[in-house]
Amino acid sequence: MTGSQLRLRRAGLRDVDYLLELQVDPDIAPFLSAGRAASREELVEEVERSLVDPQAFGRLMIETPHEREWRLVGAIGFERTNKRSRIARIGGLAVHPDFRGHGLGKAAVRELARVLFGELGYHRLEAGVYGFNERGMAAIENAGFVREGVKRLAYRPADEWVDAVEFGLLADEL
């Protein structure tokens, strides 16, 4: 899965430590779903699930070219939420703080959408972002998703309730 400035690849067991580091980074953790895999064991389960059921679930690594190699810069994922209607939910977008400001979040979302629509045959993609996550909302909207609504005070990632902003993208909109 390669775009012009990045590629996505399935996470493997060798990536679990990197995924764990991303998730506990204080510049990333507050913006990720509170219900995400939180331990090494849970991440191993997700990576294995991604490898066993690649049509329905994906833990993907974001890489960019650097000299003659690919460098890890983040992660993203998806999960099928409705098989009959071909709907998947994108989530877990995390770009390492050292690589922010270059449009990698937007590019990763667009590349994943291209794969989900073009190669896996999905009809609709959805994403939810905490209402305080301006950077996350910008990446999703700049990738072409349409803001569809707000789930008021829907989640409690820390000590207070927060809104979730819901987005959608249809195959013919990409």
N, C-alpha and C. Protein backbone atom coordinates (compact mmCIF):
# COMPACT_ATOMS: atom_id res chain seq x y z
N MET A 1 0.85 -1.17 0.00
CA MET A 1 0.00 0.00 0.00
C MET A 1 0.90 1.23 0.00
N THR A 2 1.14 1.79 -1.16
CA THR A 2 2.10 2.89 -1.25
C THR A 2 1.48 4.10 -1.89
N GLY A 3 1.61 5.25 -1.23
CA GLY A 3 1.24 6.54 -1.78
C GLY A 3 2.51 7.26 -2.18
N SER A 4 2.38 8.52 -2.58
CA SER A 4 3.54 9.23 -3.08
C SER A 4 4.58 9.54 -2.00
N GLN A 5 4.14 9.86 -0.80
CA GLN A 5 5.10 10.23 0.24
C GLN A 5 5.12 9.25 1.41
N LEU A 6 4.36 8.18 1.32
CA LEU A 6 4.36 7.22 2.41
C LEU A 6 3.87 5.87 1.93
N ARG A 7 4.03 4.90 2.79
CA ARG A 7 3.42 3.60 2.53
C ARG A 7 2.84 3.09 3.83
N LEU A 8 1.82 2.26 3.68
CA LEU A 8 1.22 1.56 4.80
C LEU A 8 1.55 0.08 4.65
N ARG A 9 1.88 -0.54 5.75
CA ARG A 9 2.10 -1.98 5.72
C ARG A 9 1.49 -2.59 6.97
N ARG A 10 1.09 -3.85 6.85
CA ARG A 10 0.53 -4.56 8.01
C ARG A 10 1.56 -4.60 9.11
N ALA A 11 1.10 -4.34 10.31
CA ALA A 11 1.98 -4.47 11.46
C ALA A 11 2.31 -5.95 11.66
N GLY A 12 3.51 -6.20 12.09
CA GLY A 12 3.94 -7.54 12.45
C GLY A 12 4.32 -7.55 13.92
N LEU A 13 4.63 -8.71 14.42
CA LEU A 13 4.99 -8.81 15.83
C LEU A 13 6.21 -7.95 16.17
N ARG A 14 7.09 -7.73 15.20
CA ARG A 14 8.26 -6.89 15.45
C ARG A 14 7.89 -5.42 15.69
N ASP A 15 6.65 -5.04 15.36
CA ASP A 15 6.20 -3.66 15.50
C ASP A 15 5.50 -3.38 16.83
N VAL A 16 5.25 -4.39 17.61
CA VAL A 16 4.45 -4.23 18.83
C VAL A 16 5.09 -3.23 19.80
N ASP A 17 6.40 -3.30 20.00
CA ASP A 17 7.06 -2.37 20.92
C ASP A 17 6.93 -0.93 20.43
N TYR A 18 7.06 -0.71 19.13
CA TYR A 18 6.89 0.64 18.57
C TYR A 18 5.46 1.12 18.79
N LEU A 19 4.49 0.27 18.53
CA LEU A 19 3.08 0.63 18.75
C LEU A 19 2.83 1.01 20.21
N LEU A 20 3.40 0.24 21.12
CA LEU A 20 3.24 0.52 22.54
C LEU A 20 3.88 1.86 22.90
N GLU A 21 5.07 2.13 22.37
CA GLU A 21 5.74 3.41 22.62
C GLU A 21 4.89 4.57 22.12
N LEU A 22 4.31 4.42 20.92
CA LEU A 22 3.44 5.47 20.37
C LEU A 22 2.27 5.74 21.30
N GLN A 23 1.63 4.67 21.75
CA GLN A 23 0.40 4.80 22.55
C GLN A 23 0.63 5.41 23.92
N VAL A 24 1.83 5.30 24.46
CA VAL A 24 2.07 5.87 25.79
C VAL A 24 2.76 7.22 25.72
N ASP A 25 3.14 7.65 24.52
CA ASP A 25 3.78 8.96 24.36
C ASP A 25 2.81 10.03 24.87
N PRO A 26 3.26 10.93 25.76
CA PRO A 26 2.35 11.93 26.33
C PRO A 26 1.78 12.92 25.31
N ASP A 27 2.42 13.02 24.13
CA ASP A 27 1.89 13.89 23.07
C ASP A 27 0.89 13.16 22.18
N ILE A 28 0.71 11.86 22.40
CA ILE A 28 -0.20 11.06 21.57
C ILE A 28 -1.33 10.45 22.39
N ALA A 29 -1.00 9.90 23.55
CA ALA A 29 -1.96 9.14 24.36
C ALA A 29 -3.30 9.84 24.61
N PRO A 30 -3.32 11.14 24.96
CA PRO A 30 -4.61 11.77 25.25
C PRO A 30 -5.57 11.83 24.07
N PHE A 31 -5.05 11.66 22.85
CA PHE A 31 -5.87 11.80 21.66
C PHE A 31 -6.37 10.47 21.10
N LEU A 32 -5.86 9.37 21.65
CA LEU A 32 -6.29 8.05 21.20
C LEU A 32 -7.46 7.55 22.04
N SER A 33 -8.24 6.67 21.46
CA SER A 33 -9.40 6.11 22.13
C SER A 33 -9.01 5.50 23.48
N ALA A 34 -9.79 5.82 24.48
CA ALA A 34 -9.54 5.25 25.81
C ALA A 34 -9.75 3.74 25.82
N GLY A 35 -10.49 3.22 24.86
CA GLY A 35 -10.76 1.79 24.79
C GLY A 35 -9.77 1.01 23.95
N ARG A 36 -8.69 1.64 23.54
CA ARG A 36 -7.70 0.98 22.68
C ARG A 36 -6.94 -0.10 23.45
N ALA A 37 -6.25 -0.95 22.70
CA ALA A 37 -5.37 -1.94 23.33
C ALA A 37 -4.33 -1.19 24.15
N ALA A 38 -4.20 -1.55 25.41
CA ALA A 38 -3.34 -0.78 26.30
C ALA A 38 -2.08 -1.52 26.75
N SER A 39 -2.04 -2.81 26.54
CA SER A 39 -0.89 -3.59 27.00
C SER A 39 -0.21 -4.24 25.81
N ARG A 40 0.99 -4.71 26.05
CA ARG A 40 1.73 -5.42 25.01
C ARG A 40 0.93 -6.65 24.54
N GLU A 41 0.34 -7.36 25.47
CA GLU A 41 -0.43 -8.56 25.13
C GLU A 41 -1.63 -8.22 24.24
N GLU A 42 -2.33 -7.15 24.57
CA GLU A 42 -3.48 -6.74 23.75
C GLU A 42 -3.04 -6.30 22.36
N LEU A 43 -1.90 -5.63 22.27
CA LEU A 43 -1.39 -5.23 20.96
C LEU A 43 -0.98 -6.44 20.13
N VAL A 44 -0.38 -7.43 20.77
CA VAL A 44 -0.03 -8.67 20.06
C VAL A 44 -1.30 -9.31 19.51
N GLU A 45 -2.37 -9.35 20.30
CA GLU A 45 -3.65 -9.90 19.83
C GLU A 45 -4.17 -9.14 18.63
N GLU A 46 -4.08 -7.80 18.66
CA GLU A 46 -4.56 -7.00 17.52
C GLU A 46 -3.71 -7.24 16.27
N VAL A 47 -2.41 -7.30 16.43
CA VAL A 47 -1.53 -7.55 15.29
C VAL A 47 -1.84 -8.92 14.69
N GLU A 48 -2.00 -9.92 15.54
CA GLU A 48 -2.33 -11.26 15.05
C GLU A 48 -3.69 -11.27 14.35
N ARG A 49 -4.65 -10.56 14.91
CA ARG A 49 -5.98 -10.49 14.27
C ARG A 49 -5.88 -9.82 12.90
N SER A 50 -5.06 -8.79 12.80
CA SER A 50 -4.86 -8.09 11.54
C SER A 50 -4.27 -9.02 10.48
N LEU A 51 -3.38 -9.90 10.90
CA LEU A 51 -2.75 -10.83 9.97
C LEU A 51 -3.68 -11.97 9.57
N VAL A 52 -4.56 -12.38 10.50
CA VAL A 52 -5.46 -13.51 10.25
C VAL A 52 -6.71 -13.09 9.48
N ASP A 53 -7.21 -11.88 9.71
CA ASP A 53 -8.45 -11.42 9.09
C ASP A 53 -8.24 -10.06 8.42
N PRO A 54 -7.39 -9.98 7.40
CA PRO A 54 -7.01 -8.69 6.81
C PRO A 54 -8.13 -7.95 6.09
N GLN A 55 -9.21 -8.62 5.75
CA GLN A 55 -10.34 -7.95 5.11
C GLN A 55 -11.17 -7.15 6.11
N ALA A 56 -11.15 -7.58 7.37
CA ALA A 56 -12.05 -7.01 8.37
C ALA A 56 -11.35 -6.17 9.43
N PHE A 57 -10.03 -6.31 9.55
CA PHE A 57 -9.34 -5.62 10.64
C PHE A 57 -7.91 -5.33 10.21
N GLY A 58 -7.45 -4.15 10.55
CA GLY A 58 -6.09 -3.83 10.17
C GLY A 58 -5.37 -2.98 11.19
N ARG A 59 -4.18 -3.41 11.56
CA ARG A 59 -3.22 -2.61 12.32
C ARG A 59 -2.10 -2.33 11.34
N LEU A 60 -1.95 -1.09 10.94
CA LEU A 60 -1.02 -0.73 9.88
C LEU A 60 0.03 0.25 10.37
N MET A 61 1.23 0.09 9.84
CA MET A 61 2.32 0.98 10.15
C MET A 61 2.45 2.01 9.03
N ILE A 62 2.73 3.25 9.41
CA ILE A 62 2.95 4.32 8.44
C ILE A 62 4.46 4.50 8.31
N GLU A 63 4.93 4.47 7.07
CA GLU A 63 6.36 4.63 6.81
C GLU A 63 6.57 5.69 5.74
N THR A 64 7.69 6.40 5.83
CA THR A 64 8.07 7.37 4.80
C THR A 64 9.47 7.02 4.31
N PRO A 65 9.76 7.41 3.07
CA PRO A 65 11.10 7.13 2.55
C PRO A 65 12.13 8.03 3.22
N HIS A 66 13.28 7.43 3.53
CA HIS A 66 14.40 8.18 4.11
C HIS A 66 15.67 7.56 3.55
N GLU A 67 16.37 8.34 2.74
CA GLU A 67 17.54 7.83 2.03
C GLU A 67 17.13 6.60 1.25
N ARG A 68 17.65 5.44 1.55
CA ARG A 68 17.30 4.24 0.77
C ARG A 68 16.47 3.25 1.57
N GLU A 69 15.87 3.73 2.65
CA GLU A 69 15.07 2.85 3.52
C GLU A 69 13.73 3.51 3.81
N TRP A 70 12.85 2.71 4.41
CA TRP A 70 11.58 3.22 4.89
C TRP A 70 11.69 3.42 6.39
N ARG A 71 11.22 4.57 6.87
CA ARG A 71 11.30 4.92 8.29
C ARG A 71 9.90 4.93 8.89
N LEU A 72 9.75 4.28 10.05
CA LEU A 72 8.47 4.28 10.76
C LEU A 72 8.17 5.68 11.28
N VAL A 73 6.95 6.15 11.02
CA VAL A 73 6.56 7.48 11.50
C VAL A 73 5.23 7.45 12.26
N GLY A 74 4.54 6.31 12.25
CA GLY A 74 3.26 6.26 12.95
C GLY A 74 2.48 5.00 12.66
N ALA A 75 1.18 5.07 13.00
CA ALA A 75 0.30 3.91 12.83
C ALA A 75 -1.12 4.38 12.57
N ILE A 76 -1.90 3.49 12.01
CA ILE A 76 -3.33 3.74 11.74
C ILE A 76 -4.01 2.38 11.68
N GLY A 77 -5.32 2.35 11.81
CA GLY A 77 -6.01 1.08 11.75
C GLY A 77 -7.42 1.22 11.21
N PHE A 78 -8.05 0.07 11.03
CA PHE A 78 -9.45 0.04 10.61
C PHE A 78 -10.09 -1.22 11.14
N GLU A 79 -11.43 -1.18 11.20
CA GLU A 79 -12.20 -2.35 11.58
C GLU A 79 -13.53 -2.32 10.84
N ARG A 80 -13.89 -3.47 10.27
CA ARG A 80 -15.19 -3.56 9.62
C ARG A 80 -16.26 -3.49 10.70
N THR A 81 -17.25 -2.62 10.48
CA THR A 81 -18.34 -2.50 11.45
C THR A 81 -19.66 -3.04 10.91
N ASN A 82 -19.75 -3.21 9.59
CA ASN A 82 -20.96 -3.75 8.99
C ASN A 82 -20.58 -4.48 7.71
N LYS A 83 -20.63 -5.80 7.74
CA LYS A 83 -20.22 -6.61 6.59
C LYS A 83 -21.18 -6.45 5.42
N ARG A 84 -22.47 -6.54 5.68
CA ARG A 84 -23.47 -6.48 4.62
C ARG A 84 -23.44 -5.15 3.88
N SER A 85 -23.32 -4.06 4.64
CA SER A 85 -23.32 -2.71 4.03
C SER A 85 -21.91 -2.22 3.69
N ARG A 86 -20.91 -3.04 3.94
CA ARG A 86 -19.52 -2.73 3.59
C ARG A 86 -19.04 -1.40 4.21
N ILE A 87 -19.13 -1.35 5.54
CA ILE A 87 -18.71 -0.16 6.28
C ILE A 87 -17.54 -0.51 7.18
N ALA A 88 -16.54 0.35 7.19
CA ALA A 88 -15.39 0.19 8.08
C ALA A 88 -15.16 1.49 8.84
N ARG A 89 -14.56 1.36 10.00
CA ARG A 89 -14.23 2.51 10.84
C ARG A 89 -12.72 2.65 10.89
N ILE A 90 -12.25 3.83 10.56
CA ILE A 90 -10.82 4.14 10.64
C ILE A 90 -10.54 4.70 12.02
N GLY A 91 -9.42 4.33 12.60
CA GLY A 91 -9.06 4.85 13.91
C GLY A 91 -7.61 4.61 14.24
N GLY A 92 -7.23 5.07 15.40
CA GLY A 92 -5.88 4.83 15.89
C GLY A 92 -4.80 5.57 15.15
N LEU A 93 -5.17 6.65 14.45
CA LEU A 93 -4.14 7.42 13.74
C LEU A 93 -3.21 8.06 14.75
N ALA A 94 -1.92 7.75 14.63
CA ALA A 94 -0.91 8.32 15.51
C ALA A 94 0.35 8.58 14.70
N VAL A 95 0.71 9.85 14.55
CA VAL A 95 1.95 10.22 13.88
C VAL A 95 2.92 10.65 14.97
N HIS A 96 4.11 10.06 14.96
CA HIS A 96 5.12 10.39 15.97
C HIS A 96 5.37 11.91 15.96
N PRO A 97 5.48 12.53 17.13
CA PRO A 97 5.67 13.99 17.20
C PRO A 97 6.83 14.51 16.37
N ASP A 98 7.86 13.73 16.17
CA ASP A 98 9.02 14.17 15.37
C ASP A 98 8.68 14.34 13.90
N PHE A 99 7.54 13.79 13.46
CA PHE A 99 7.21 13.82 12.04
C PHE A 99 5.93 14.59 11.74
N ARG A 100 5.44 15.34 12.69
CA ARG A 100 4.21 16.11 12.47
C ARG A 100 4.50 17.35 11.63
N GLY A 101 3.42 17.88 11.05
CA GLY A 101 3.54 19.11 10.28
C GLY A 101 3.90 18.91 8.82
N HIS A 102 3.87 17.67 8.35
CA HIS A 102 4.22 17.38 6.96
C HIS A 102 3.06 16.77 6.19
N GLY A 103 1.88 16.76 6.77
CA GLY A 103 0.71 16.20 6.09
C GLY A 103 0.65 14.69 6.08
N LEU A 104 1.42 14.04 6.95
CA LEU A 104 1.45 12.57 6.96
C LEU A 104 0.16 11.95 7.46
N GLY A 105 -0.51 12.60 8.42
CA GLY A 105 -1.79 12.09 8.90
C GLY A 105 -2.82 12.06 7.79
N LYS A 106 -2.96 13.18 7.10
CA LYS A 106 -3.88 13.26 5.96
C LYS A 106 -3.52 12.22 4.90
N ALA A 107 -2.24 12.13 4.56
CA ALA A 107 -1.80 11.19 3.53
C ALA A 107 -2.08 9.75 3.94
N ALA A 108 -1.88 9.42 5.22
CA ALA A 108 -2.13 8.06 5.69
C ALA A 108 -3.63 7.73 5.62
N VAL A 109 -4.47 8.68 6.02
CA VAL A 109 -5.92 8.46 5.95
C VAL A 109 -6.36 8.27 4.50
N ARG A 110 -5.85 9.09 3.60
CA ARG A 110 -6.23 8.98 2.18
C ARG A 110 -5.75 7.66 1.59
N GLU A 111 -4.53 7.25 1.93
CA GLU A 111 -4.01 5.99 1.39
C GLU A 111 -4.82 4.81 1.93
N LEU A 112 -5.15 4.84 3.22
CA LEU A 112 -5.97 3.77 3.78
C LEU A 112 -7.35 3.75 3.13
N ALA A 113 -7.94 4.91 2.91
CA ALA A 113 -9.24 4.98 2.25
C ALA A 113 -9.15 4.41 0.83
N ARG A 114 -8.08 4.75 0.12
CA ARG A 114 -7.90 4.22 -1.23
C ARG A 114 -7.86 2.69 -1.22
N VAL A 115 -7.16 2.12 -0.27
CA VAL A 115 -7.06 0.66 -0.17
C VAL A 115 -8.40 0.06 0.23
N LEU A 116 -9.05 0.65 1.23
CA LEU A 116 -10.32 0.09 1.70
C LEU A 116 -11.40 0.14 0.63
N PHE A 117 -11.45 1.23 -0.13
CA PHE A 117 -12.44 1.32 -1.21
C PHE A 117 -12.02 0.50 -2.42
N GLY A 118 -10.80 0.69 -2.87
CA GLY A 118 -10.36 0.10 -4.13
C GLY A 118 -10.01 -1.37 -4.06
N GLU A 119 -9.33 -1.78 -3.01
CA GLU A 119 -8.86 -3.17 -2.94
C GLU A 119 -9.76 -4.06 -2.10
N LEU A 120 -10.37 -3.51 -1.07
CA LEU A 120 -11.19 -4.34 -0.18
C LEU A 120 -12.70 -4.16 -0.40
N GLY A 121 -13.09 -3.24 -1.27
CA GLY A 121 -14.48 -3.13 -1.68
C GLY A 121 -15.44 -2.50 -0.68
N TYR A 122 -14.93 -1.70 0.25
CA TYR A 122 -15.83 -1.03 1.18
C TYR A 122 -16.62 0.06 0.46
N HIS A 123 -17.80 0.36 0.97
CA HIS A 123 -18.68 1.38 0.42
C HIS A 123 -18.60 2.69 1.22
N ARG A 124 -18.42 2.56 2.54
CA ARG A 124 -18.45 3.72 3.42
C ARG A 124 -17.39 3.55 4.50
N LEU A 125 -16.73 4.67 4.81
CA LEU A 125 -15.77 4.70 5.92
C LEU A 125 -16.25 5.72 6.94
N GLU A 126 -16.00 5.42 8.20
CA GLU A 126 -16.40 6.31 9.28
C GLU A 126 -15.20 6.54 10.19
N ALA A 127 -15.22 7.67 10.87
CA ALA A 127 -14.17 7.99 11.84
C ALA A 127 -14.78 8.87 12.91
N GLY A 128 -14.31 8.70 14.13
CA GLY A 128 -14.73 9.55 15.24
C GLY A 128 -13.50 10.13 15.91
N VAL A 129 -13.57 11.41 16.24
CA VAL A 129 -12.43 12.11 16.84
C VAL A 129 -12.92 12.87 18.06
N TYR A 130 -12.16 12.80 19.15
CA TYR A 130 -12.52 13.60 20.32
C TYR A 130 -12.64 15.06 19.91
N GLY A 131 -13.65 15.75 20.45
CA GLY A 131 -13.92 17.13 20.08
C GLY A 131 -12.78 18.10 20.35
N PHE A 132 -11.88 17.76 21.24
CA PHE A 132 -10.76 18.65 21.54
C PHE A 132 -9.54 18.37 20.65
N ASN A 133 -9.62 17.36 19.81
CA ASN A 133 -8.48 16.95 18.99
C ASN A 133 -8.50 17.67 17.63
N GLU A 134 -8.09 18.92 17.65
CA GLU A 134 -8.11 19.75 16.44
C GLU A 134 -7.23 19.15 15.34
N ARG A 135 -6.06 18.67 15.69
CA ARG A 135 -5.13 18.10 14.71
C ARG A 135 -5.75 16.86 14.05
N GLY A 136 -6.38 16.01 14.84
CA GLY A 136 -7.01 14.81 14.30
C GLY A 136 -8.18 15.14 13.38
N MET A 137 -8.99 16.11 13.79
CA MET A 137 -10.12 16.50 12.94
C MET A 137 -9.63 17.10 11.63
N ALA A 138 -8.57 17.90 11.68
CA ALA A 138 -8.02 18.50 10.46
C ALA A 138 -7.51 17.42 9.51
N ALA A 139 -6.82 16.42 10.03
CA ALA A 139 -6.30 15.33 9.18
C ALA A 139 -7.44 14.59 8.50
N ILE A 140 -8.49 14.28 9.26
CA ILE A 140 -9.63 13.54 8.69
C ILE A 140 -10.35 14.39 7.64
N GLU A 141 -10.64 15.65 7.97
CA GLU A 141 -11.34 16.51 7.00
C GLU A 141 -10.50 16.79 5.77
N ASN A 142 -9.21 17.04 5.96
CA ASN A 142 -8.34 17.31 4.81
C ASN A 142 -8.17 16.09 3.92
N ALA A 143 -8.43 14.91 4.47
CA ALA A 143 -8.38 13.68 3.67
C ALA A 143 -9.67 13.46 2.89
N GLY A 144 -10.67 14.33 3.09
CA GLY A 144 -11.90 14.25 2.32
C GLY A 144 -13.13 13.81 3.07
N PHE A 145 -12.99 13.44 4.33
CA PHE A 145 -14.15 13.03 5.12
C PHE A 145 -15.06 14.23 5.39
N VAL A 146 -16.35 13.94 5.49
CA VAL A 146 -17.36 14.96 5.75
C VAL A 146 -17.78 14.87 7.21
N ARG A 147 -17.83 16.02 7.87
CA ARG A 147 -18.31 16.07 9.25
C ARG A 147 -19.80 15.78 9.24
N GLU A 148 -20.22 14.74 9.98
CA GLU A 148 -21.62 14.32 9.95
C GLU A 148 -22.37 14.63 11.23
N GLY A 149 -21.67 14.89 12.29
CA GLY A 149 -22.38 15.20 13.52
C GLY A 149 -21.49 15.13 14.74
N VAL A 150 -22.11 15.40 15.87
CA VAL A 150 -21.40 15.39 17.14
C VAL A 150 -22.16 14.49 18.11
N LYS A 151 -21.43 13.59 18.74
CA LYS A 151 -22.00 12.80 19.84
C LYS A 151 -21.63 13.58 21.11
N ARG A 152 -22.61 14.21 21.69
CA ARG A 152 -22.37 15.09 22.83
C ARG A 152 -21.98 14.31 24.07
N LEU A 153 -20.89 14.78 24.70
CA LEU A 153 -20.39 14.20 25.95
C LEU A 153 -20.47 12.67 25.94
N ALA A 154 -19.95 12.09 24.87
CA ALA A 154 -20.09 10.65 24.64
C ALA A 154 -19.01 9.81 25.28
N TYR A 155 -17.84 10.37 25.50
CA TYR A 155 -16.71 9.58 25.99
C TYR A 155 -16.02 10.25 27.16
N ARG A 156 -15.38 9.43 27.96
CA ARG A 156 -14.67 9.93 29.14
C ARG A 156 -13.24 9.37 29.12
N PRO A 157 -12.38 9.95 28.26
CA PRO A 157 -11.03 9.41 28.15
C PRO A 157 -10.17 9.67 29.39
N ALA A 158 -10.50 10.69 30.13
CA ALA A 158 -9.75 10.99 31.36
C ALA A 158 -10.77 11.24 32.47
N ASP A 159 -10.74 12.41 33.05
CA ASP A 159 -11.63 12.68 34.18
C ASP A 159 -12.87 13.49 33.83
N GLU A 160 -13.05 13.82 32.56
CA GLU A 160 -14.26 14.56 32.20
C GLU A 160 -14.83 14.05 30.88
N TRP A 161 -16.12 14.27 30.71
CA TRP A 161 -16.80 13.84 29.50
C TRP A 161 -16.45 14.77 28.35
N VAL A 162 -16.29 14.18 27.14
CA VAL A 162 -15.97 14.97 25.96
C VAL A 162 -16.86 14.55 24.79
N ASP A 163 -17.03 15.49 23.86
CA ASP A 163 -17.77 15.21 22.64
C ASP A 163 -16.92 14.35 21.71
N ALA A 164 -17.60 13.67 20.80
CA ALA A 164 -16.93 12.99 19.69
C ALA A 164 -17.50 13.57 18.40
N VAL A 165 -16.65 13.97 17.51
CA VAL A 165 -17.08 14.47 16.21
C VAL A 165 -16.99 13.31 15.23
N GLU A 166 -18.11 13.05 14.55
CA GLU A 166 -18.22 11.91 13.65
C GLU A 166 -18.07 12.36 12.19
N PHE A 167 -17.32 11.55 11.43
CA PHE A 167 -17.04 11.86 10.03
C PHE A 167 -17.38 10.65 9.17
N GLY A 168 -17.67 10.88 7.91
CA GLY A 168 -17.93 9.79 6.97
C GLY A 168 -17.37 10.11 5.60
N LEU A 169 -17.07 9.06 4.84
CA LEU A 169 -16.58 9.20 3.48
C LEU A 169 -17.14 8.03 2.67
N LEU A 170 -17.72 8.34 1.52
CA LEU A 170 -18.26 7.33 0.63
C LEU A 170 -17.27 7.04 -0.50
N ALA A 171 -17.34 5.85 -1.05
CA ALA A 171 -16.37 5.44 -2.05
C ALA A 171 -16.29 6.41 -3.22
N ASP A 172 -17.42 6.94 -3.68
CA ASP A 172 -17.38 7.84 -4.83
C ASP A 172 -16.95 9.26 -4.48
N GLU A 173 -16.65 9.52 -3.22
CA GLU A 173 -16.19 10.84 -2.80
C GLU A 173 -14.66 10.96 -2.72
N LEU A 174 -13.99 9.83 -2.79
CA LEU A 174 -12.54 9.86 -2.65
C LEU A 174 -11.90 10.44 -3.90
